[in-house]
């Protein structure tokens, strides 16, 4: 599988514009998998922020026993 990455503007028309220089790199026929990544808030933003905060928290005292195994 080959990947081609580019940035484009989204509009209300529902059409995803592929820049001509990128289109020239694509095969003329066959299947393609399209993944669209957008900036901004996602539905799971709160979950991700909570998971990150949990990851950064200090270990509880009962987990200190594992520190001697490093």
PDB file of N, CA and C in Angstrom:
ATOM      1  N   UNK A   1       0.845  -1.171   0.000  1.00  0.00           N
ATOM      2  CA  UNK A   1       0.000   0.000   0.000  1.00  0.00           C
ATOM      3  C   UNK A   1       0.888   1.231   0.000  1.00  0.00           C
ATOM      4  N   UNK A   2       0.568   2.187  -0.830  1.00  0.00           N
ATOM      5  CA  UNK A   2       1.285   3.453  -0.902  1.00  0.00           C
ATOM      6  C   UNK A   2       0.403   4.553  -0.341  1.00  0.00           C
ATOM      7  N   UNK A   3       1.025   5.555   0.275  1.00  0.00           N
ATOM      8  CA  UNK A   3       0.271   6.678   0.832  1.00  0.00           C
ATOM      9  C   UNK A   3       0.679   7.965   0.137  1.00  0.00           C
ATOM     10  N   UNK A   4      -0.302   8.797  -0.143  1.00  0.00           N
ATOM     11  CA  UNK A   4      -0.077  10.132  -0.694  1.00  0.00           C
ATOM     12  C   UNK A   4      -0.808  11.094   0.238  1.00  0.00           C
ATOM     13  N   UNK A   5      -0.092  12.066   0.769  1.00  0.00           N
ATOM     14  CA  UNK A   5      -0.692  12.985   1.732  1.00  0.00           C
ATOM     15  C   UNK A   5      -0.789  14.378   1.128  1.00  0.00           C
ATOM     16  N   UNK A   6      -1.916  15.050   1.394  1.00  0.00           N
ATOM     17  CA  UNK A   6      -2.089  16.419   0.932  1.00  0.00           C
ATOM     18  C   UNK A   6      -3.102  17.117   1.830  1.00  0.00           C
ATOM     19  N   UNK A   7      -3.128  18.423   1.762  1.00  0.00           N
ATOM     20  CA  UNK A   7      -4.080  19.229   2.511  1.00  0.00           C
ATOM     21  C   UNK A   7      -4.994  19.925   1.517  1.00  0.00           C
ATOM     22  N   UNK A   8      -6.283  19.978   1.834  1.00  0.00           N
ATOM     23  CA  UNK A   8      -7.246  20.638   0.953  1.00  0.00           C
ATOM     24  C   UNK A   8      -8.296  21.333   1.800  1.00  0.00           C
ATOM     25  N   UNK A   9      -9.060  22.196   1.205  1.00  0.00           N
ATOM     26  CA  UNK A   9     -10.145  22.900   1.882  1.00  0.00           C
ATOM     27  C   UNK A   9     -11.451  22.138   1.697  1.00  0.00           C
ATOM     28  N   UNK A  10     -12.220  22.039   2.761  1.00  0.00           N
ATOM     29  CA  UNK A  10     -13.545  21.424   2.686  1.00  0.00           C
ATOM     30  C   UNK A  10     -14.574  22.518   2.441  1.00  0.00           C
ATOM     31  N   UNK A  11     -15.628  22.174   1.750  1.00  0.00           N
ATOM     32  CA  UNK A  11     -16.693  23.151   1.481  1.00  0.00           C
ATOM     33  C   UNK A  11     -18.047  22.475   1.639  1.00  0.00           C
ATOM     34  N   UNK A  12     -19.089  23.270   1.520  1.00  0.00           N
ATOM     35  CA  UNK A  12     -20.456  22.748   1.654  1.00  0.00           C
ATOM     36  C   UNK A  12     -20.869  21.865   0.494  1.00  0.00           C
ATOM     37  N   UNK A  13     -20.102  21.852  -0.578  1.00  0.00           N
ATOM     38  CA  UNK A  13     -20.504  21.103  -1.771  1.00  0.00           C
ATOM     39  C   UNK A  13     -20.399  19.591  -1.594  1.00  0.00           C
ATOM     40  N   UNK A  14     -19.674  19.152  -0.575  1.00  0.00           N
ATOM     41  CA  UNK A  14     -19.520  17.716  -0.367  1.00  0.00           C
ATOM     42  C   UNK A  14     -18.514  17.079  -1.304  1.00  0.00           C
ATOM     43  N   UNK A  15     -17.712  17.893  -1.982  1.00  0.00           N
ATOM     44  CA  UNK A  15     -16.703  17.397  -2.916  1.00  0.00           C
ATOM     45  C   UNK A  15     -15.325  17.597  -2.301  1.00  0.00           C
ATOM     46  N   UNK A  16     -14.523  16.550  -2.303  1.00  0.00           N
ATOM     47  CA  UNK A  16     -13.166  16.610  -1.780  1.00  0.00           C
ATOM     48  C   UNK A  16     -12.218  16.840  -2.958  1.00  0.00           C
ATOM     49  N   UNK A  17     -11.606  18.005  -3.002  1.00  0.00           N
ATOM     50  CA  UNK A  17     -10.742  18.378  -4.118  1.00  0.00           C
ATOM     51  C   UNK A  17      -9.354  17.775  -3.920  1.00  0.00           C
ATOM     52  N   UNK A  18      -8.861  17.080  -4.943  1.00  0.00           N
ATOM     53  CA  UNK A  18      -7.509  16.521  -4.942  1.00  0.00           C
ATOM     54  C   UNK A  18      -6.646  17.416  -5.825  1.00  0.00           C
ATOM     55  N   UNK A  19      -5.588  18.004  -5.264  1.00  0.00           N
ATOM     56  CA  UNK A  19      -4.730  18.877  -6.072  1.00  0.00           C
ATOM     57  C   UNK A  19      -4.171  18.125  -7.285  1.00  0.00           C
ATOM     58  N   UNK A  20      -4.002  18.826  -8.400  1.00  0.00           N
ATOM     59  CA  UNK A  20      -3.572  18.189  -9.650  1.00  0.00           C
ATOM     60  C   UNK A  20      -2.213  17.514  -9.518  1.00  0.00           C
ATOM     61  N   UNK A  21      -1.290  18.102  -8.757  1.00  0.00           N
ATOM     62  CA  UNK A  21       0.024  17.472  -8.598  1.00  0.00           C
ATOM     63  C   UNK A  21      -0.065  16.169  -7.805  1.00  0.00           C
ATOM     64  N   UNK A  22      -1.051  16.064  -6.919  1.00  0.00           N
ATOM     65  CA  UNK A  22      -1.278  14.829  -6.171  1.00  0.00           C
ATOM     66  C   UNK A  22      -1.977  13.812  -7.066  1.00  0.00           C
ATOM     67  N   UNK A  23      -2.956  14.258  -7.834  1.00  0.00           N
ATOM     68  CA  UNK A  23      -3.684  13.364  -8.738  1.00  0.00           C
ATOM     69  C   UNK A  23      -2.735  12.717  -9.736  1.00  0.00           C
ATOM     70  N   UNK A  24      -1.695  13.433 -10.132  1.00  0.00           N
ATOM     71  CA  UNK A  24      -0.728  12.889 -11.084  1.00  0.00           C
ATOM     72  C   UNK A  24       0.055  11.719 -10.485  1.00  0.00           C
ATOM     73  N   UNK A  25       0.146  11.647  -9.161  1.00  0.00           N
ATOM     74  CA  UNK A  25       0.873  10.566  -8.488  1.00  0.00           C
ATOM     75  C   UNK A  25       0.022   9.311  -8.308  1.00  0.00           C
ATOM     76  N   UNK A  26      -1.276   9.431  -8.492  1.00  0.00           N
ATOM     77  CA  UNK A  26      -2.188   8.315  -8.242  1.00  0.00           C
ATOM     78  C   UNK A  26      -2.295   7.412  -9.469  1.00  0.00           C
ATOM     79  N   UNK A  27      -2.547   6.120  -9.247  1.00  0.00           N
ATOM     80  CA  UNK A  27      -2.775   5.222 -10.377  1.00  0.00           C
ATOM     81  C   UNK A  27      -4.026   5.653 -11.138  1.00  0.00           C
ATOM     82  N   UNK A  28      -4.095   5.339 -12.400  1.00  0.00           N
ATOM     83  CA  UNK A  28      -5.232   5.743 -13.233  1.00  0.00           C
ATOM     84  C   UNK A  28      -6.469   4.884 -13.001  1.00  0.00           C
ATOM     85  N   UNK A  29      -6.300   3.712 -12.406  1.00  0.00           N
ATOM     86  CA  UNK A  29      -7.433   2.833 -12.129  1.00  0.00           C
ATOM     87  C   UNK A  29      -7.137   2.020 -10.877  1.00  0.00           C
ATOM     88  N   UNK A  30      -8.156   1.429 -10.312  1.00  0.00           N
ATOM     89  CA  UNK A  30      -7.998   0.597  -9.137  1.00  0.00           C
ATOM     90  C   UNK A  30      -8.743   1.177  -7.950  1.00  0.00           C
ATOM     91  N   UNK A  31      -8.545   0.575  -6.806  1.00  0.00           N
ATOM     92  CA  UNK A  31      -9.224   1.011  -5.589  1.00  0.00           C
ATOM     93  C   UNK A  31      -8.280   1.855  -4.747  1.00  0.00           C
ATOM     94  N   UNK A  32      -8.857   2.715  -3.938  1.00  0.00           N
ATOM     95  CA  UNK A  32      -8.092   3.544  -3.010  1.00  0.00           C
ATOM     96  C   UNK A  32      -8.850   3.619  -1.694  1.00  0.00           C
ATOM     97  N   UNK A  33      -8.108   3.673  -0.617  1.00  0.00           N
ATOM     98  CA  UNK A  33      -8.708   3.890   0.698  1.00  0.00           C
ATOM     99  C   UNK A  33      -8.498   5.350   1.041  1.00  0.00           C
ATOM    100  N   UNK A  34      -9.549   6.035   1.413  1.00  0.00           N
ATOM    101  CA  UNK A  34      -9.483   7.465   1.726  1.00  0.00           C
ATOM    102  C   UNK A  34      -9.728   7.651   3.218  1.00  0.00           C
ATOM    103  N   UNK A  35      -8.824   8.341   3.871  1.00  0.00           N
ATOM    104  CA  UNK A  35      -8.951   8.668   5.290  1.00  0.00           C
ATOM    105  C   UNK A  35      -8.889  10.185   5.396  1.00  0.00           C
ATOM    106  N   UNK A  36      -9.908  10.796   5.965  1.00  0.00           N
ATOM    107  CA  UNK A  36      -9.951  12.249   6.096  1.00  0.00           C
ATOM    108  C   UNK A  36      -9.728  12.610   7.563  1.00  0.00           C
ATOM    109  N   UNK A  37      -8.698  13.389   7.831  1.00  0.00           N
ATOM    110  CA  UNK A  37      -8.402  13.880   9.172  1.00  0.00           C
ATOM    111  C   UNK A  37      -8.700  15.370   9.196  1.00  0.00           C
ATOM    112  N   UNK A  38      -9.426  15.829  10.192  1.00  0.00           N
ATOM    113  CA  UNK A  38      -9.754  17.243  10.285  1.00  0.00           C
ATOM    114  C   UNK A  38      -9.257  17.809  11.604  1.00  0.00           C
ATOM    115  N   UNK A  39      -9.017  19.101  11.629  1.00  0.00           N
ATOM    116  CA  UNK A  39      -8.649  19.787  12.857  1.00  0.00           C
ATOM    117  C   UNK A  39      -9.900  20.034  13.681  1.00  0.00           C
ATOM    118  N   UNK A  40      -9.715  20.305  14.943  1.00  0.00           N
ATOM    119  CA  UNK A  40     -10.845  20.698  15.761  1.00  0.00           C
ATOM    120  C   UNK A  40     -11.267  19.611  16.723  1.00  0.00           C
ATOM    121  N   UNK A  41     -12.358  19.904  17.388  1.00  0.00           N
ATOM    122  CA  UNK A  41     -12.888  19.026  18.417  1.00  0.00           C
ATOM    123  C   UNK A  41     -13.511  17.777  17.793  1.00  0.00           C
ATOM    124  N   UNK A  42     -13.296  16.660  18.440  1.00  0.00           N
ATOM    125  CA  UNK A  42     -13.940  15.425  18.022  1.00  0.00           C
ATOM    126  C   UNK A  42     -14.862  14.958  19.136  1.00  0.00           C
ATOM    127  N   UNK A  43     -15.647  13.958  18.862  1.00  0.00           N
ATOM    128  CA  UNK A  43     -16.591  13.463  19.852  1.00  0.00           C
ATOM    129  C   UNK A  43     -15.905  12.905  21.091  1.00  0.00           C
ATOM    130  N   UNK A  44     -14.685  12.402  20.931  1.00  0.00           N
ATOM    131  CA  UNK A  44     -14.017  11.784  22.066  1.00  0.00           C
ATOM    132  C   UNK A  44     -12.956  12.693  22.694  1.00  0.00           C
ATOM    133  N   UNK A  45     -13.031  13.991  22.465  1.00  0.00           N
ATOM    134  CA  UNK A  45     -12.032  14.911  22.997  1.00  0.00           C
ATOM    135  C   UNK A  45     -11.986  14.858  24.516  1.00  0.00           C
ATOM    136  N   UNK A  46     -13.150  14.872  25.161  1.00  0.00           N
ATOM    137  CA  UNK A  46     -13.176  14.824  26.626  1.00  0.00           C
ATOM    138  C   UNK A  46     -12.551  13.535  27.136  1.00  0.00           C
ATOM    139  N   UNK A  47     -12.834  12.423  26.477  1.00  0.00           N
ATOM    140  CA  UNK A  47     -12.259  11.146  26.892  1.00  0.00           C
ATOM    141  C   UNK A  47     -10.745  11.178  26.763  1.00  0.00           C
ATOM    142  N   UNK A  48     -10.243  11.687  25.639  1.00  0.00           N
ATOM    143  CA  UNK A  48      -8.797  11.762  25.422  1.00  0.00           C
ATOM    144  C   UNK A  48      -8.118  12.656  26.452  1.00  0.00           C
ATOM    145  N   UNK A  49      -8.731  13.791  26.757  1.00  0.00           N
ATOM    146  CA  UNK A  49      -8.154  14.695  27.752  1.00  0.00           C
ATOM    147  C   UNK A  49      -8.129  14.035  29.128  1.00  0.00           C
ATOM    148  N   UNK A  50      -9.189  13.333  29.473  1.00  0.00           N
ATOM    149  CA  UNK A  50      -9.231  12.620  30.753  1.00  0.00           C
ATOM    150  C   UNK A  50      -8.200  11.513  30.827  1.00  0.00           C
ATOM    151  N   UNK A  51      -8.045  10.772  29.733  1.00  0.00           N
ATOM    152  CA  UNK A  51      -7.054   9.696  29.710  1.00  0.00           C
ATOM    153  C   UNK A  51      -5.645  10.261  29.842  1.00  0.00           C
ATOM    154  N   UNK A  52      -5.380  11.389  29.185  1.00  0.00           N
ATOM    155  CA  UNK A  52      -4.067  12.020  29.264  1.00  0.00           C
ATOM    156  C   UNK A  52      -3.797  12.520  30.684  1.00  0.00           C
ATOM    157  N   UNK A  53      -4.799  13.128  31.310  1.00  0.00           N
ATOM    158  CA  UNK A  53      -4.641  13.597  32.686  1.00  0.00           C
ATOM    159  C   UNK A  53      -4.373  12.417  33.618  1.00  0.00           C
ATOM    160  N   UNK A  54      -5.065  11.320  33.425  1.00  0.00           N
ATOM    161  CA  UNK A  54      -4.852  10.124  34.242  1.00  0.00           C
ATOM    162  C   UNK A  54      -3.444   9.578  34.043  1.00  0.00           C
ATOM    163  N   UNK A  55      -2.964   9.599  32.812  1.00  0.00           N
ATOM    164  CA  UNK A  55      -1.628   9.105  32.501  1.00  0.00           C
ATOM    165  C   UNK A  55      -0.561   9.933  33.212  1.00  0.00           C
ATOM    166  N   UNK A  56      -0.774  11.229  33.327  1.00  0.00           N
ATOM    167  CA  UNK A  56       0.219  12.107  33.935  1.00  0.00           C
ATOM    168  C   UNK A  56       0.174  12.137  35.463  1.00  0.00           C
ATOM    169  N   UNK A  57      -0.869  11.561  36.054  1.00  0.00           N
ATOM    170  CA  UNK A  57      -0.976  11.566  37.515  1.00  0.00           C
ATOM    171  C   UNK A  57       0.122  10.729  38.144  1.00  0.00           C
ATOM    172  N   UNK A  58       0.448  11.090  39.361  1.00  0.00           N
ATOM    173  CA  UNK A  58       1.446  10.331  40.123  1.00  0.00           C
ATOM    174  C   UNK A  58       0.908   8.937  40.438  1.00  0.00           C
ATOM    175  N   UNK A  59       1.808   7.976  40.529  1.00  0.00           N
ATOM    176  CA  UNK A  59       1.413   6.625  40.910  1.00  0.00           C
ATOM    177  C   UNK A  59       0.988   6.614  42.368  1.00  0.00           C
ATOM    178  N   UNK A  60       0.004   5.788  42.707  1.00  0.00           N
ATOM    179  CA  UNK A  60      -0.394   5.683  44.112  1.00  0.00           C
ATOM    180  C   UNK A  60       0.716   5.007  44.923  1.00  0.00           C
ATOM    181  N   UNK A  61       0.766   5.252  46.229  1.00  0.00           N
ATOM    182  CA  UNK A  61       1.829   4.689  47.079  1.00  0.00           C
ATOM    183  C   UNK A  61       1.928   3.164  46.994  1.00  0.00           C
ATOM    184  N   UNK A  62       0.807   2.478  46.814  1.00  0.00           N
ATOM    185  CA  UNK A  62       0.861   1.009  46.763  1.00  0.00           C
ATOM    186  C   UNK A  62       1.584   0.492  45.517  1.00  0.00           C
ATOM    187  N   UNK A  63       1.768   1.340  44.521  1.00  0.00           N
ATOM    188  CA  UNK A  63       2.508   0.923  43.325  1.00  0.00           C
ATOM    189  C   UNK A  63       4.015   1.150  43.445  1.00  0.00           C
ATOM    190  N   UNK A  64       4.451   1.723  44.560  1.00  0.00           N
ATOM    191  CA  UNK A  64       5.869   2.014  44.745  1.00  0.00           C
ATOM    192  C   UNK A  64       6.720   0.753  44.745  1.00  0.00           C
ATOM    193  N   UNK A  65       6.116  -0.385  45.042  1.00  0.00           N
ATOM    194  CA  UNK A  65       6.869  -1.647  45.056  1.00  0.00           C
ATOM    195  C   UNK A  65       7.474  -1.947  43.681  1.00  0.00           C
ATOM    196  N   UNK A  66       6.838  -1.493  42.623  1.00  0.00           N
ATOM    197  CA  UNK A  66       7.346  -1.745  41.279  1.00  0.00           C
ATOM    198  C   UNK A  66       8.571  -0.901  40.932  1.00  0.00           C
ATOM    199  N   UNK A  67       8.792   0.194  41.663  1.00  0.00           N
ATOM    200  CA  UNK A  67       9.947   1.058  41.408  1.00  0.00           C
ATOM    201  C   UNK A  67      11.263   0.333  41.640  1.00  0.00           C
ATOM    202  N   UNK A  68      11.285  -0.654  42.533  1.00  0.00           N
ATOM    203  CA  UNK A  68      12.523  -1.373  42.813  1.00  0.00           C
ATOM    204  C   UNK A  68      12.857  -2.394  41.730  1.00  0.00           C
ATOM    205  N   UNK A  69      11.960  -2.626  40.770  1.00  0.00           N
ATOM    206  CA  UNK A  69      12.184  -3.616  39.726  1.00  0.00           C
ATOM    207  C   UNK A  69      12.775  -3.025  38.457  1.00  0.00           C
ATOM    208  N   UNK A  70      13.093  -1.761  38.458  1.00  0.00           N
ATOM    209  CA  UNK A  70      13.616  -1.121  37.242  1.00  0.00           C
ATOM    210  C   UNK A  70      15.009  -1.477  36.976  1.00  0.00           C
TER     211      UNK A  70
END
